[in-house]
């Protein structure tokens, strides 16, 4: 498990890395198609802002409210795919005149709110858009968004300079996704290659024996990989 202070630090560092990378893009690049079907690079950029806005609008949960587990929160993504797509496209159109300035504004609000929420307790329960969860888990979902979509941007524009994703942030996200998977089956597995695992867990690569074997392995060498195809992608 990663503590809230570490996740907070990595979230800010990963955002700064992404923001620096975006500064190197020209406007023509953002109109190019992304690796996500039906989305332009501009839509991916807008989605980064929407991901941070989710933190900016989060409030403390009422007393006595129980948080949902991280895996249950991530499970809400698939049913909301259509509404997420619509909201992302609408935001991309809304901020098209100056998307990076819009991202800067929402990032400032998000990190200010994260600071204020942390001041309410060591790891308070907060009310996010769709469910209450621990602040540490909410921050982790925001880091996951930046890592996964940062990698999407990297793959969409392979000739852009530098790697968008920080190694430490990638490792933390990979570990979190593995914990969610292990919660379903109780297997003893470890990550072989974090980037391969994150892409597999998030539906970026086909689920087959080869991709699973390149990403995960049993902790005990005497064991074989369990049948995981029915449990992937994680989200």
Protein backbone atom coordinates (compact mmCIF):
# COMPACT_ATOMS: atom_id res chain seq x y z
CA UNK A 1 0.00 0.00 0.00
CA UNK A 2 1.16 3.53 -0.78
CA UNK A 3 0.56 6.18 1.87
CA UNK A 4 -1.33 9.38 1.10
CA UNK A 5 1.74 11.61 1.38
CA UNK A 6 3.59 9.56 -1.24
CA UNK A 7 0.60 9.45 -3.59
CA UNK A 8 0.14 13.21 -3.20
CA UNK A 9 3.81 13.79 -4.05
CA UNK A 10 3.69 11.51 -7.08
CA UNK A 11 0.43 12.99 -8.33
CA UNK A 12 1.95 16.47 -8.33
CA UNK A 13 5.20 15.27 -9.91
CA UNK A 14 3.40 13.30 -12.61
CA UNK A 15 1.21 16.29 -13.40
CA UNK A 16 4.24 18.56 -13.75
CA UNK A 17 5.91 16.06 -16.07
CA UNK A 18 2.80 15.83 -18.21
CA UNK A 19 2.40 19.60 -18.28
CA UNK A 20 6.02 20.08 -19.40
CA UNK A 21 5.49 17.50 -22.14
CA UNK A 22 2.32 19.19 -23.34
CA UNK A 23 4.19 22.49 -23.64
CA UNK A 24 6.30 20.91 -26.38
CA UNK A 25 3.29 20.07 -28.56
CA UNK A 26 2.04 22.29 -31.36
CA UNK A 27 -1.65 22.85 -32.05
CA UNK A 28 -1.59 20.63 -35.15
CA UNK A 29 -0.45 17.67 -33.05
CA UNK A 30 -3.49 17.89 -30.82
CA UNK A 31 -5.82 17.43 -33.78
CA UNK A 32 -4.21 14.10 -34.67
CA UNK A 33 -6.06 10.88 -33.84
CA UNK A 34 -5.04 9.23 -30.58
CA UNK A 35 -4.58 5.52 -29.90
CA UNK A 36 -8.01 5.52 -28.25
CA UNK A 37 -10.66 4.86 -30.93
CA UNK A 38 -12.64 7.95 -31.79
CA UNK A 39 -10.58 10.33 -29.67
CA UNK A 40 -8.16 12.97 -30.91
CA UNK A 41 -5.12 13.96 -28.91
CA UNK A 42 -7.10 17.08 -27.98
CA UNK A 43 -9.75 14.88 -26.39
CA UNK A 44 -7.12 13.06 -24.36
CA UNK A 45 -5.73 16.39 -23.19
CA UNK A 46 -9.22 17.52 -22.18
CA UNK A 47 -9.75 14.27 -20.30
CA UNK A 48 -6.68 15.02 -18.19
CA UNK A 49 -8.44 18.19 -17.08
CA UNK A 50 -11.65 16.31 -16.33
CA UNK A 51 -9.66 13.80 -14.27
CA UNK A 52 -8.21 16.56 -12.12
CA UNK A 53 -11.55 18.34 -11.89
CA UNK A 54 -12.90 15.24 -10.14
CA UNK A 55 -10.49 16.02 -7.32
CA UNK A 56 -11.26 19.74 -7.38
CA UNK A 57 -14.97 19.15 -6.74
CA UNK A 58 -14.52 16.49 -4.05
CA UNK A 59 -15.83 17.37 -0.59
CA UNK A 60 -15.52 15.78 2.87
CA UNK A 61 -18.03 12.96 3.31
CA UNK A 62 -20.69 13.26 6.02
CA UNK A 63 -19.76 11.74 9.36
CA UNK A 64 -20.30 8.01 9.55
CA UNK A 65 -20.21 7.39 5.78
CA UNK A 66 -18.20 4.27 4.92
CA UNK A 67 -15.78 4.38 1.99
CA UNK A 68 -16.07 1.95 -0.90
CA UNK A 69 -13.01 -0.20 -1.70
CA UNK A 70 -10.75 0.96 -4.51
CA UNK A 71 -11.75 -1.96 -6.74
CA UNK A 72 -15.45 -1.15 -6.37
CA UNK A 73 -14.79 2.47 -7.30
CA UNK A 74 -12.83 1.49 -10.40
CA UNK A 75 -15.66 -0.85 -11.37
CA UNK A 76 -17.90 2.20 -11.87
CA UNK A 77 -15.82 3.34 -14.87
CA UNK A 78 -17.17 0.86 -17.44
CA UNK A 79 -20.89 1.59 -16.88
CA UNK A 80 -20.13 5.32 -17.20
CA UNK A 81 -18.05 5.00 -20.39
CA UNK A 82 -20.62 6.71 -22.61
CA UNK A 83 -21.17 9.66 -20.27
CA UNK A 84 -17.40 10.03 -19.76
CA UNK A 85 -16.95 10.12 -23.53
CA UNK A 86 -19.65 12.76 -23.97
CA UNK A 87 -18.30 14.93 -21.15
CA UNK A 88 -14.77 14.70 -22.50
CA UNK A 89 -15.79 15.74 -26.01
CA UNK A 90 -17.83 18.64 -24.64
CA UNK A 91 -14.92 19.82 -22.52
CA UNK A 92 -12.49 19.56 -25.45
CA UNK A 93 -14.75 21.84 -27.48
CA UNK A 94 -15.20 24.24 -24.57
CA UNK A 95 -11.46 24.72 -23.96
CA UNK A 96 -10.30 24.48 -27.57
CA UNK A 97 -9.17 28.14 -27.73
CA UNK A 98 -6.59 27.68 -24.95
CA UNK A 99 -6.60 24.12 -23.57
CA UNK A 100 -3.38 24.36 -21.57
CA UNK A 101 -4.52 27.46 -19.71
CA UNK A 102 -7.73 25.61 -18.85
CA UNK A 103 -5.70 22.66 -17.57
CA UNK A 104 -3.59 24.96 -15.43
CA UNK A 105 -6.68 26.44 -13.79
CA UNK A 106 -8.24 23.08 -12.95
CA UNK A 107 -4.90 21.68 -11.73
CA UNK A 108 -4.48 24.61 -9.35
CA UNK A 109 -7.99 24.04 -7.98
CA UNK A 110 -7.42 20.29 -7.69
CA UNK A 111 -4.19 20.53 -5.74
CA UNK A 112 -5.56 23.27 -3.51
CA UNK A 113 -8.52 21.05 -2.67
CA UNK A 114 -6.25 18.06 -2.05
CA UNK A 115 -4.24 20.17 0.41
CA UNK A 116 -7.43 21.31 2.18
CA UNK A 117 -8.86 17.78 2.37
CA UNK A 118 -5.63 16.44 3.83
CA UNK A 119 -5.90 19.04 6.58
CA UNK A 120 -9.16 17.42 7.79
CA UNK A 121 -7.51 14.18 8.95
CA UNK A 122 -4.79 11.59 8.29
CA UNK A 123 -6.85 9.86 5.56
CA UNK A 124 -10.41 11.17 5.59
CA UNK A 125 -13.39 9.70 3.80
CA UNK A 126 -14.37 12.03 0.98
CA UNK A 127 -17.32 12.24 -1.36
CA UNK A 128 -16.16 11.89 -4.95
CA UNK A 129 -18.36 12.17 -8.04
CA UNK A 130 -19.84 8.68 -7.83
CA UNK A 131 -19.05 7.27 -4.38
CA UNK A 132 -17.39 7.95 -1.03
CA UNK A 133 -13.85 6.64 -0.64
CA UNK A 134 -10.68 7.27 1.30
CA UNK A 135 -8.75 10.34 0.20
CA UNK A 136 -5.69 8.13 -0.35
CA UNK A 137 -7.69 5.99 -2.79
CA UNK A 138 -9.10 9.02 -4.58
CA UNK A 139 -5.61 10.47 -5.02
CA UNK A 140 -4.49 7.07 -6.29
CA UNK A 141 -7.27 7.03 -8.91
CA UNK A 142 -6.14 10.47 -10.10
CA UNK A 143 -2.55 9.22 -10.36
CA UNK A 144 -3.82 6.22 -12.30
CA UNK A 145 -5.60 8.56 -14.73
CA UNK A 146 -2.47 10.63 -15.33
CA UNK A 147 -0.27 7.56 -15.78
CA UNK A 148 -2.62 5.65 -18.08
CA UNK A 149 -3.57 8.62 -20.22
CA UNK A 150 -0.02 9.93 -20.17
CA UNK A 151 1.00 6.62 -21.69
CA UNK A 152 -1.86 6.95 -24.19
CA UNK A 153 -0.46 10.34 -25.22
CA UNK A 154 3.03 8.91 -25.49
CA UNK A 155 1.81 6.14 -27.79
CA UNK A 156 -0.34 8.57 -29.79
CA UNK A 157 2.61 10.88 -30.51
CA UNK A 158 5.67 8.58 -30.51
CA UNK A 159 7.92 11.24 -32.01
CA UNK A 160 7.29 13.75 -29.22
CA UNK A 161 10.37 14.19 -27.01
CA UNK A 162 10.80 12.36 -23.71
CA UNK A 163 8.79 9.85 -21.73
CA UNK A 164 5.59 11.24 -20.26
CA UNK A 165 5.26 8.74 -17.41
CA UNK A 166 7.44 8.78 -14.30
CA UNK A 167 8.85 5.38 -13.32
CA UNK A 168 7.85 5.68 -9.66
CA UNK A 169 4.31 6.73 -10.52
CA UNK A 170 4.04 3.84 -12.98
CA UNK A 171 5.20 1.36 -10.34
CA UNK A 172 2.66 2.60 -7.77
CA UNK A 173 -0.20 2.40 -10.27
CA UNK A 174 0.88 -1.08 -11.40
CA UNK A 175 0.94 -2.26 -7.79
CA UNK A 176 -2.52 -0.82 -7.12
CA UNK A 177 -4.01 -2.54 -10.17
CA UNK A 178 -2.44 -5.82 -9.11
CA UNK A 179 -3.98 -5.50 -5.63
CA UNK A 180 -7.39 -5.01 -7.22
CA UNK A 181 -6.89 -8.12 -9.35
CA UNK A 182 -5.65 -10.20 -6.43
CA UNK A 183 -8.68 -9.16 -4.43
CA UNK A 184 -10.81 -11.04 -6.96
CA UNK A 185 -8.96 -14.34 -6.77
CA UNK A 186 -6.43 -14.34 -3.95
CA UNK A 187 -3.58 -15.45 -6.19
CA UNK A 188 0.11 -14.88 -5.37
CA UNK A 189 1.38 -12.86 -8.31
CA UNK A 190 3.92 -10.11 -8.90
CA UNK A 191 4.50 -7.59 -11.66
CA UNK A 192 7.24 -8.43 -14.16
CA UNK A 193 7.00 -5.29 -16.29
CA UNK A 194 4.93 -2.39 -14.90
CA UNK A 195 4.14 -0.71 -18.22
CA UNK A 196 3.07 -3.97 -19.85
CA UNK A 197 0.88 -4.76 -16.84
CA UNK A 198 -0.78 -1.32 -16.72
CA UNK A 199 -1.57 -1.51 -20.43
CA UNK A 200 -3.00 -5.00 -20.02
CA UNK A 201 -4.98 -4.15 -16.87
CA UNK A 202 -6.47 -1.07 -18.51
CA UNK A 203 -7.46 -2.72 -21.79
CA UNK A 204 -4.70 -1.26 -23.94
CA UNK A 205 -3.34 -4.64 -25.11
CA UNK A 206 -5.08 -7.93 -25.98
CA UNK A 207 -5.66 -10.39 -23.15
CA UNK A 208 -3.88 -13.63 -24.01
CA UNK A 209 -1.29 -15.95 -22.51
CA UNK A 210 1.60 -14.03 -24.09
CA UNK A 211 0.59 -10.58 -22.84
CA UNK A 212 -0.26 -11.90 -19.38
CA UNK A 213 3.05 -13.76 -19.16
CA UNK A 214 5.00 -10.66 -20.19
CA UNK A 215 3.36 -8.63 -17.41
CA UNK A 216 2.89 -10.96 -14.44
CA UNK A 217 4.42 -14.07 -12.88
CA UNK A 218 3.69 -16.27 -9.87
CA UNK A 219 5.48 -15.30 -6.66
CA UNK A 220 6.34 -18.98 -6.12
CA UNK A 221 8.31 -20.32 -9.08
CA UNK A 222 6.82 -23.79 -8.58
CA UNK A 223 3.39 -22.46 -9.51
CA UNK A 224 1.97 -21.54 -12.91
CA UNK A 225 -0.02 -18.48 -13.86
CA UNK A 226 -3.71 -18.90 -13.07
CA UNK A 227 -6.37 -18.45 -15.75
CA UNK A 228 -6.80 -14.69 -15.66
CA UNK A 229 -8.49 -13.92 -18.97
CA UNK A 230 -11.93 -13.72 -17.37
CA UNK A 231 -10.69 -11.16 -14.84
CA UNK A 232 -9.02 -8.79 -17.32
CA UNK A 233 -8.95 -5.96 -18.03
CA UNK A 234 -9.30 -4.63 -14.50
CA UNK A 235 -10.92 -1.44 -15.88
